[in-house]
Amino acid sequence: MSKEKKKNKRFEIIENQGFEPTYNVIRDNETGVLYIAYNSNFGVGITVLVDQNGKPLVDNDF
């Protein structure tokens, strides 16, 4: 994938763990907000990651 195309991706998987089930940390490249996605043979779930005060986590490297 070209750098220009990658730069324009809205969402990016920045961490991946597991095989079945899998957990992915996804970053919104416009806001830096982090999400976690869970994928198994039985379904998929996604939610925003929050800090101890309930505010969305933002990628420090963003």
PDB file of N, CA and C in Angstrom:
ATOM      1  N   MET A   1       0.849  -1.185   0.000  1.00  0.00           N
ATOM      2  CA  MET A   1       0.000   0.000   0.000  1.00  0.00           C
ATOM      3  C   MET A   1       0.887   1.238   0.000  1.00  0.00           C
ATOM      4  N   SER A   2       0.559   2.223  -0.822  1.00  0.00           N
ATOM      5  CA  SER A   2       1.364   3.437  -0.906  1.00  0.00           C
ATOM      6  C   SER A   2       1.224   4.256   0.371  1.00  0.00           C
ATOM      7  N   LYS A   3       2.238   5.108   0.622  1.00  0.00           N
ATOM      8  CA  LYS A   3       2.193   5.963   1.809  1.00  0.00           C
ATOM      9  C   LYS A   3       0.991   6.894   1.762  1.00  0.00           C
ATOM     10  N   GLU A   4       0.671   7.393   0.568  1.00  0.00           N
ATOM     11  CA  GLU A   4      -0.460   8.308   0.431  1.00  0.00           C
ATOM     12  C   GLU A   4      -1.773   7.617   0.772  1.00  0.00           C
ATOM     13  N   LYS A   5      -1.969   6.396   0.269  1.00  0.00           N
ATOM     14  CA  LYS A   5      -3.194   5.659   0.583  1.00  0.00           C
ATOM     15  C   LYS A   5      -3.264   5.349   2.068  1.00  0.00           C
ATOM     16  N   LYS A   6      -2.135   4.908   2.662  1.00  0.00           N
ATOM     17  CA  LYS A   6      -2.119   4.589   4.085  1.00  0.00           C
ATOM     18  C   LYS A   6      -2.424   5.833   4.907  1.00  0.00           C
ATOM     19  N   LYS A   7      -1.896   6.973   4.501  1.00  0.00           N
ATOM     20  CA  LYS A   7      -2.116   8.225   5.207  1.00  0.00           C
ATOM     21  C   LYS A   7      -3.602   8.583   5.237  1.00  0.00           C
ATOM     22  N   ASN A   8      -4.338   8.229   4.183  1.00  0.00           N
ATOM     23  CA  ASN A   8      -5.745   8.583   4.083  1.00  0.00           C
ATOM     24  C   ASN A   8      -6.684   7.574   4.729  1.00  0.00           C
ATOM     25  N   LYS A   9      -6.142   6.508   5.310  1.00  0.00           N
ATOM     26  CA  LYS A   9      -7.005   5.525   5.975  1.00  0.00           C
ATOM     27  C   LYS A   9      -7.597   6.132   7.237  1.00  0.00           C
ATOM     28  N   ARG A  10      -8.908   6.065   7.384  1.00  0.00           N
ATOM     29  CA  ARG A  10      -9.561   6.628   8.570  1.00  0.00           C
ATOM     30  C   ARG A  10      -9.243   5.802   9.811  1.00  0.00           C
ATOM     31  N   PHE A  11      -9.310   4.456   9.694  1.00  0.00           N
ATOM     32  CA  PHE A  11      -9.066   3.586  10.832  1.00  0.00           C
ATOM     33  C   PHE A  11      -7.882   2.681  10.536  1.00  0.00           C
ATOM     34  N   GLU A  12      -7.116   2.370  11.601  1.00  0.00           N
ATOM     35  CA  GLU A  12      -5.930   1.537  11.444  1.00  0.00           C
ATOM     36  C   GLU A  12      -5.800   0.601  12.643  1.00  0.00           C
ATOM     37  N   ILE A  13      -5.555  -0.671  12.369  1.00  0.00           N
ATOM     38  CA  ILE A  13      -5.292  -1.620  13.446  1.00  0.00           C
ATOM     39  C   ILE A  13      -3.869  -1.392  13.910  1.00  0.00           C
ATOM     40  N   ILE A  14      -3.703  -1.046  15.190  1.00  0.00           N
ATOM     41  CA  ILE A  14      -2.362  -0.763  15.691  1.00  0.00           C
ATOM     42  C   ILE A  14      -1.837  -1.867  16.606  1.00  0.00           C
ATOM     43  N   GLU A  15      -2.707  -2.774  17.024  1.00  0.00           N
ATOM     44  CA  GLU A  15      -2.276  -3.924  17.822  1.00  0.00           C
ATOM     45  C   GLU A  15      -3.238  -5.074  17.579  1.00  0.00           C
ATOM     46  N   ASN A  16      -2.703  -6.275  17.521  1.00  0.00           N
ATOM     47  CA  ASN A  16      -3.501  -7.467  17.264  1.00  0.00           C
ATOM     48  C   ASN A  16      -3.026  -8.558  18.207  1.00  0.00           C
ATOM     49  N   GLN A  17      -3.946  -9.205  18.908  1.00  0.00           N
ATOM     50  CA  GLN A  17      -3.598 -10.299  19.812  1.00  0.00           C
ATOM     51  C   GLN A  17      -4.564 -11.449  19.609  1.00  0.00           C
ATOM     52  N   GLY A  18      -4.021 -12.649  19.684  1.00  0.00           N
ATOM     53  CA  GLY A  18      -4.856 -13.837  19.643  1.00  0.00           C
ATOM     54  C   GLY A  18      -5.072 -14.349  18.235  1.00  0.00           C
ATOM     55  N   PHE A  19      -5.636 -15.547  18.179  1.00  0.00           N
ATOM     56  CA  PHE A  19      -5.966 -16.176  16.902  1.00  0.00           C
ATOM     57  C   PHE A  19      -7.471 -16.417  16.833  1.00  0.00           C
ATOM     58  N   GLU A  20      -8.014 -17.179  17.717  1.00  0.00           N
ATOM     59  CA  GLU A  20      -9.458 -17.379  17.829  1.00  0.00           C
ATOM     60  C   GLU A  20      -9.799 -17.456  19.299  1.00  0.00           C
ATOM     61  N   PRO A  21     -10.305 -16.469  19.908  1.00  0.00           N
ATOM     62  CA  PRO A  21     -10.761 -15.201  19.355  1.00  0.00           C
ATOM     63  C   PRO A  21      -9.594 -14.223  19.151  1.00  0.00           C
ATOM     64  N   THR A  22      -9.855 -13.130  18.437  1.00  0.00           N
ATOM     65  CA  THR A  22      -8.846 -12.092  18.239  1.00  0.00           C
ATOM     66  C   THR A  22      -9.302 -10.793  18.883  1.00  0.00           C
ATOM     67  N   TYR A  23      -8.326 -10.029  19.324  1.00  0.00           N
ATOM     68  CA  TYR A  23      -8.554  -8.705  19.886  1.00  0.00           C
ATOM     69  C   TYR A  23      -7.720  -7.720  19.079  1.00  0.00           C
ATOM     70  N   ASN A  24      -8.336  -6.654  18.611  1.00  0.00           N
ATOM     71  CA  ASN A  24      -7.632  -5.625  17.853  1.00  0.00           C
ATOM     72  C   ASN A  24      -7.824  -4.284  18.520  1.00  0.00           C
ATOM     73  N   VAL A  25      -6.738  -3.524  18.637  1.00  0.00           N
ATOM     74  CA  VAL A  25      -6.849  -2.132  19.046  1.00  0.00           C
ATOM     75  C   VAL A  25      -6.808  -1.319  17.753  1.00  0.00           C
ATOM     76  N   ILE A  26      -7.831  -0.493  17.580  1.00  0.00           N
ATOM     77  CA  ILE A  26      -8.007   0.270  16.348  1.00  0.00           C
ATOM     78  C   ILE A  26      -7.927   1.756  16.681  1.00  0.00           C
ATOM     79  N   ARG A  27      -7.169   2.494  15.859  1.00  0.00           N
ATOM     80  CA  ARG A  27      -7.049   3.942  16.063  1.00  0.00           C
ATOM     81  C   ARG A  27      -7.806   4.680  14.962  1.00  0.00           C
ATOM     82  N   ASP A  28      -8.577   5.672  15.354  1.00  0.00           N
ATOM     83  CA  ASP A  28      -9.203   6.597  14.410  1.00  0.00           C
ATOM     84  C   ASP A  28      -8.124   7.605  14.030  1.00  0.00           C
ATOM     85  N   ASN A  29      -7.677   7.600  12.794  1.00  0.00           N
ATOM     86  CA  ASN A  29      -6.576   8.455  12.372  1.00  0.00           C
ATOM     87  C   ASN A  29      -6.943   9.929  12.234  1.00  0.00           C
ATOM     88  N   GLU A  30      -8.205  10.277  12.409  1.00  0.00           N
ATOM     89  CA  GLU A  30      -8.594  11.690  12.415  1.00  0.00           C
ATOM     90  C   GLU A  30      -8.621  12.259  13.823  1.00  0.00           C
ATOM     91  N   THR A  31      -8.968  11.431  14.808  1.00  0.00           N
ATOM     92  CA  THR A  31      -9.103  11.923  16.183  1.00  0.00           C
ATOM     93  C   THR A  31      -8.075  11.345  17.144  1.00  0.00           C
ATOM     94  N   GLY A  32      -7.476  10.198  16.798  1.00  0.00           N
ATOM     95  CA  GLY A  32      -6.549   9.515  17.692  1.00  0.00           C
ATOM     96  C   GLY A  32      -7.226   8.642  18.726  1.00  0.00           C
ATOM     97  N   VAL A  33      -8.563   8.614  18.744  1.00  0.00           N
ATOM     98  CA  VAL A  33      -9.312   7.811  19.713  1.00  0.00           C
ATOM     99  C   VAL A  33      -9.072   6.320  19.443  1.00  0.00           C
ATOM    100  N   LEU A  34      -8.941   5.552  20.536  1.00  0.00           N
ATOM    101  CA  LEU A  34      -8.672   4.117  20.445  1.00  0.00           C
ATOM    102  C   LEU A  34      -9.928   3.303  20.738  1.00  0.00           C
ATOM    103  N   TYR A  35     -10.078   2.230  19.990  1.00  0.00           N
ATOM    104  CA  TYR A  35     -11.202   1.302  20.143  1.00  0.00           C
ATOM    105  C   TYR A  35     -10.630  -0.109  20.294  1.00  0.00           C
ATOM    106  N   ILE A  36     -11.391  -0.996  20.921  1.00  0.00           N
ATOM    107  CA  ILE A  36     -11.015  -2.399  20.964  1.00  0.00           C
ATOM    108  C   ILE A  36     -12.122  -3.200  20.280  1.00  0.00           C
ATOM    109  N   ALA A  37     -11.681  -4.137  19.441  1.00  0.00           N
ATOM    110  CA  ALA A  37     -12.621  -5.000  18.727  1.00  0.00           C
ATOM    111  C   ALA A  37     -12.325  -6.438  19.105  1.00  0.00           C
ATOM    112  N   TYR A  38     -13.365  -7.202  19.326  1.00  0.00           N
ATOM    113  CA  TYR A  38     -13.289  -8.621  19.678  1.00  0.00           C
ATOM    114  C   TYR A  38     -13.978  -9.391  18.566  1.00  0.00           C
ATOM    115  N   ASN A  39     -13.313 -10.423  18.077  1.00  0.00           N
ATOM    116  CA  ASN A  39     -13.875 -11.218  16.989  1.00  0.00           C
ATOM    117  C   ASN A  39     -13.709 -12.693  17.324  1.00  0.00           C
ATOM    118  N   SER A  40     -14.817 -13.426  17.309  1.00  0.00           N
ATOM    119  CA  SER A  40     -14.782 -14.867  17.553  1.00  0.00           C
ATOM    120  C   SER A  40     -15.677 -15.545  16.530  1.00  0.00           C
ATOM    121  N   ASN A  41     -15.768 -16.843  16.627  1.00  0.00           N
ATOM    122  CA  ASN A  41     -16.665 -17.577  15.730  1.00  0.00           C
ATOM    123  C   ASN A  41     -18.127 -17.243  15.981  1.00  0.00           C
ATOM    124  N   PHE A  42     -18.434 -16.639  17.131  1.00  0.00           N
ATOM    125  CA  PHE A  42     -19.813 -16.386  17.517  1.00  0.00           C
ATOM    126  C   PHE A  42     -20.265 -14.954  17.302  1.00  0.00           C
ATOM    127  N   GLY A  43     -19.343 -14.060  16.967  1.00  0.00           N
ATOM    128  CA  GLY A  43     -19.747 -12.670  16.753  1.00  0.00           C
ATOM    129  C   GLY A  43     -18.601 -11.702  16.885  1.00  0.00           C
ATOM    130  N   VAL A  44     -18.946 -10.432  16.778  1.00  0.00           N
ATOM    131  CA  VAL A  44     -17.977  -9.346  16.811  1.00  0.00           C
ATOM    132  C   VAL A  44     -18.503  -8.265  17.739  1.00  0.00           C
ATOM    133  N   GLY A  45     -17.597  -7.626  18.465  1.00  0.00           N
ATOM    134  CA  GLY A  45     -17.961  -6.485  19.289  1.00  0.00           C
ATOM    135  C   GLY A  45     -16.895  -5.419  19.194  1.00  0.00           C
ATOM    136  N   ILE A  46     -17.277  -4.155  19.288  1.00  0.00           N
ATOM    137  CA  ILE A  46     -16.320  -3.053  19.265  1.00  0.00           C
ATOM    138  C   ILE A  46     -16.796  -1.996  20.241  1.00  0.00           C
ATOM    139  N   THR A  47     -15.835  -1.390  20.949  1.00  0.00           N
ATOM    140  CA  THR A  47     -16.170  -0.334  21.895  1.00  0.00           C
ATOM    141  C   THR A  47     -14.976   0.600  22.033  1.00  0.00           C
ATOM    142  N   VAL A  48     -15.261   1.811  22.440  1.00  0.00           N
ATOM    143  CA  VAL A  48     -14.203   2.786  22.670  1.00  0.00           C
ATOM    144  C   VAL A  48     -13.470   2.420  23.967  1.00  0.00           C
ATOM    145  N   LEU A  49     -12.160   2.609  23.990  1.00  0.00           N
ATOM    146  CA  LEU A  49     -11.386   2.433  25.223  1.00  0.00           C
ATOM    147  C   LEU A  49     -11.462   3.736  26.012  1.00  0.00           C
ATOM    148  N   VAL A  50     -11.651   3.632  27.330  1.00  0.00           N
ATOM    149  CA  VAL A  50     -11.779   4.818  28.172  1.00  0.00           C
ATOM    150  C   VAL A  50     -10.784   4.777  29.314  1.00  0.00           C
ATOM    151  N   ASP A  51     -10.466   5.971  29.856  1.00  0.00           N
ATOM    152  CA  ASP A  51      -9.590   6.046  31.021  1.00  0.00           C
ATOM    153  C   ASP A  51     -10.416   5.880  32.292  1.00  0.00           C
ATOM    154  N   GLN A  52      -9.772   6.040  33.445  1.00  0.00           N
ATOM    155  CA  GLN A  52     -10.445   5.824  34.724  1.00  0.00           C
ATOM    156  C   GLN A  52     -11.564   6.831  34.984  1.00  0.00           C
ATOM    157  N   ASN A  53     -11.592   7.941  34.225  1.00  0.00           N
ATOM    158  CA  ASN A  53     -12.645   8.946  34.377  1.00  0.00           C
ATOM    159  C   ASN A  53     -13.741   8.814  33.327  1.00  0.00           C
ATOM    160  N   GLY A  54     -13.630   7.785  32.485  1.00  0.00           N
ATOM    161  CA  GLY A  54     -14.643   7.559  31.463  1.00  0.00           C
ATOM    162  C   GLY A  54     -14.437   8.347  30.182  1.00  0.00           C
ATOM    163  N   LYS A  55     -13.285   9.030  30.063  1.00  0.00           N
ATOM    164  CA  LYS A  55     -12.992   9.782  28.842  1.00  0.00           C
ATOM    165  C   LYS A  55     -12.295   8.865  27.837  1.00  0.00           C
ATOM    166  N   PRO A  56     -12.575   9.043  26.547  1.00  0.00           N
ATOM    167  CA  PRO A  56     -11.940   8.194  25.536  1.00  0.00           C
ATOM    168  C   PRO A  56     -10.419   8.283  25.577  1.00  0.00           C
ATOM    169  N   LEU A  57      -9.772   7.120  25.409  1.00  0.00           N
ATOM    170  CA  LEU A  57      -8.314   7.099  25.327  1.00  0.00           C
ATOM    171  C   LEU A  57      -7.880   7.582  23.953  1.00  0.00           C
ATOM    172  N   VAL A  58      -6.846   8.417  23.941  1.00  0.00           N
ATOM    173  CA  VAL A  58      -6.286   8.932  22.697  1.00  0.00           C
ATOM    174  C   VAL A  58      -4.857   8.434  22.600  1.00  0.00           C
ATOM    175  N   ASP A  59      -4.472   7.951  21.421  1.00  0.00           N
ATOM    176  CA  ASP A  59      -3.130   7.436  21.176  1.00  0.00           C
ATOM    177  C   ASP A  59      -2.092   8.538  21.420  1.00  0.00           C
ATOM    178  N   ASN A  60      -1.155   8.301  22.326  1.00  0.00           N
ATOM    179  CA  ASN A  60      -0.114   9.283  22.640  1.00  0.00           C
ATOM    180  C   ASN A  60       0.793   9.572  21.454  1.00  0.00           C
ATOM    181  N   ASP A  61       0.945   8.598  20.552  1.00  0.00           N
ATOM    182  CA  ASP A  61       1.819   8.758  19.386  1.00  0.00           C
ATOM    183  C   ASP A  61       1.100   9.384  18.205  1.00  0.00           C
ATOM    184  N   PHE A  62      -0.156   9.749  18.393  1.00  0.00           N
ATOM    185  CA  PHE A  62      -0.959  10.260  17.294  1.00  0.00           C
ATOM    186  C   PHE A  62      -0.551  11.668  16.954  1.00  0.00           C
TER     187      PHE A  62
END
